[in-house]
Structures are given as structure tokens and as C-alpha cells.
Amino acid sequence: MITHIVFFKLTDPSAPTIAATREKLESMRGKVPLLRHIEVGVDVIRSERSYDLALVTRFDSLADLQAYQVDPYHAGEVVPHMKSVCSSIVAVDYES
């Protein structure tokens, strides 16, 4: 199993932007068949070092994670939205 975690810092961390962005990330549920698990969390601490949203996904294999990167819905709908609203995006991928 591969776990893929991504943190997003929004350019505009207002409640409406956070809600819309969370909804966009969660919209992958049922549309990206390789996803075995998806969880989206909103930061509650809101410190200077905090990121605004976290995405935790799991895949059966590294090959499935790589296929997810180019999945039409992920690459065509979600990634462009995230790039348009984020000032910083960081990720870590590991075997779990």
C-alpha cells in the first residue's frame, strides 16, 4: 500500500475558499477508481507554520499512484483548481 499525503496553503484562506477547495478534493471519491482511501482535513490550529488543507490518499501500489497522477479527472479537474488557489503545495509518499 502507498500513502500519498499533500498539504495545501491557500492564497485566500477564507472560509468559502476552504470549503470550495475541500469539496473539489473530496469530489475525487467515486470518480478516480484507483483511490483506495481519501480523507480531506482542514487545519484547526491556524498557526503561521500551518497549511490550510491536508489530503490523505492510499493506493494499492506505486504504479497506481503514478496512474492517479495522470487520471483524467485528477489531472484535468482537480490539479488545475488546486494550482489556481494555492500559494504552496507539498507532498510525501511512503509505503504503508
Protein backbone atom coordinates (compact mmCIF):
# COMPACT_ATOMS: atom_id res chain seq x y z
CA MET A 1 0.00 0.00 0.00
CA ILE A 2 1.22 3.52 -0.82
CA THR A 3 0.10 6.53 1.21
CA HIS A 4 0.16 9.91 -0.53
CA ILE A 5 -0.19 12.98 1.69
CA VAL A 6 -0.43 16.51 0.30
CA PHE A 7 -0.59 19.80 2.20
CA PHE A 8 -2.09 22.90 0.62
CA LYS A 9 -1.55 26.54 1.64
CA LEU A 10 -4.24 28.68 0.06
CA THR A 11 -3.66 32.14 -1.34
CA ASP A 12 -7.02 33.15 0.17
CA PRO A 13 -7.66 31.04 3.27
CA SER A 14 -11.18 32.38 3.80
CA ALA A 15 -13.95 30.00 4.87
CA PRO A 16 -15.65 29.99 1.42
CA THR A 17 -12.38 29.20 -0.38
CA ILE A 18 -11.50 26.46 2.09
CA ALA A 19 -14.97 24.91 1.72
CA ALA A 20 -14.89 25.02 -2.09
CA THR A 21 -11.39 23.56 -2.20
CA ARG A 22 -12.26 20.79 0.24
CA GLU A 23 -15.30 19.97 -1.89
CA LYS A 24 -13.13 19.83 -5.03
CA LEU A 25 -10.69 17.41 -3.38
CA GLU A 26 -13.48 15.23 -1.99
CA SER A 27 -15.12 15.13 -5.42
CA MET A 28 -12.48 12.56 -6.44
CA ARG A 29 -14.30 9.97 -4.30
CA GLY A 30 -16.00 7.61 -6.75
CA LYS A 31 -14.51 9.35 -9.80
CA VAL A 32 -10.91 8.13 -9.51
CA PRO A 33 -11.11 4.32 -9.43
CA LEU A 34 -7.56 3.70 -8.19
CA LEU A 35 -8.17 5.53 -4.90
CA ARG A 36 -8.49 3.05 -2.04
CA HIS A 37 -8.87 5.76 0.63
CA ILE A 38 -9.37 9.51 0.59
CA GLU A 39 -9.53 11.90 3.52
CA VAL A 40 -9.51 15.70 3.44
CA GLY A 41 -8.81 17.67 6.61
CA VAL A 42 -8.99 21.37 7.36
CA ASP A 43 -6.38 22.79 9.73
CA VAL A 44 -7.82 23.79 13.11
CA ILE A 45 -4.72 25.40 14.66
CA ARG A 46 -4.22 28.10 12.00
CA SER A 47 -0.68 28.94 13.12
CA GLU A 48 1.82 30.67 10.86
CA ARG A 49 3.51 27.35 10.05
CA SER A 50 0.22 25.56 9.32
CA TYR A 51 -1.05 24.57 5.92
CA ASP A 52 -4.78 25.06 5.31
CA LEU A 53 -5.80 21.63 3.99
CA ALA A 54 -4.42 18.10 4.07
CA LEU A 55 -5.22 15.35 1.58
CA VAL A 56 -4.51 11.74 2.57
CA THR A 57 -4.94 9.11 -0.13
CA ARG A 58 -3.96 5.46 -0.36
CA PHE A 59 -3.24 3.26 -3.36
CA ASP A 60 -2.56 -0.45 -3.80
CA SER A 61 0.80 0.16 -5.48
CA LEU A 62 3.28 2.76 -6.64
CA ALA A 63 2.07 2.10 -10.19
CA ASP A 64 -1.48 3.01 -9.11
CA LEU A 65 -0.21 6.25 -7.53
CA GLN A 66 1.58 7.10 -10.77
CA ALA A 67 -1.57 6.34 -12.79
CA TYR A 68 -3.56 8.59 -10.42
CA GLN A 69 -1.26 11.49 -11.28
CA VAL A 70 -2.44 11.36 -14.90
CA ASP A 71 -6.03 10.23 -14.25
CA PRO A 72 -8.28 12.46 -16.42
CA TYR A 73 -10.43 13.71 -13.53
CA HIS A 74 -7.49 14.29 -11.16
CA ALA A 75 -5.21 15.87 -13.78
CA GLY A 76 -7.93 17.70 -15.70
CA GLU A 77 -10.23 18.95 -12.93
CA VAL A 78 -8.58 18.81 -9.52
CA VAL A 79 -4.96 19.76 -10.25
CA PRO A 80 -5.83 22.94 -12.22
CA HIS A 81 -8.15 24.07 -9.41
CA MET A 82 -5.52 23.42 -6.74
CA LYS A 83 -2.83 25.28 -8.69
CA SER A 84 -5.17 28.24 -9.11
CA VAL A 85 -5.95 28.63 -5.38
CA CYS A 86 -2.69 27.58 -3.68
CA SER A 87 0.45 29.50 -2.86
CA SER A 88 2.27 26.33 -1.76
CA ILE A 89 1.77 22.59 -2.17
CA VAL A 90 3.98 19.93 -0.56
CA ALA A 91 3.68 16.15 -0.57
CA VAL A 92 5.13 12.96 0.85
CA ASP A 93 4.62 9.42 -0.46
CA TYR A 94 5.53 6.30 1.50
CA GLU A 95 4.89 2.58 1.81
CA SER A 96 2.33 1.79 4.46
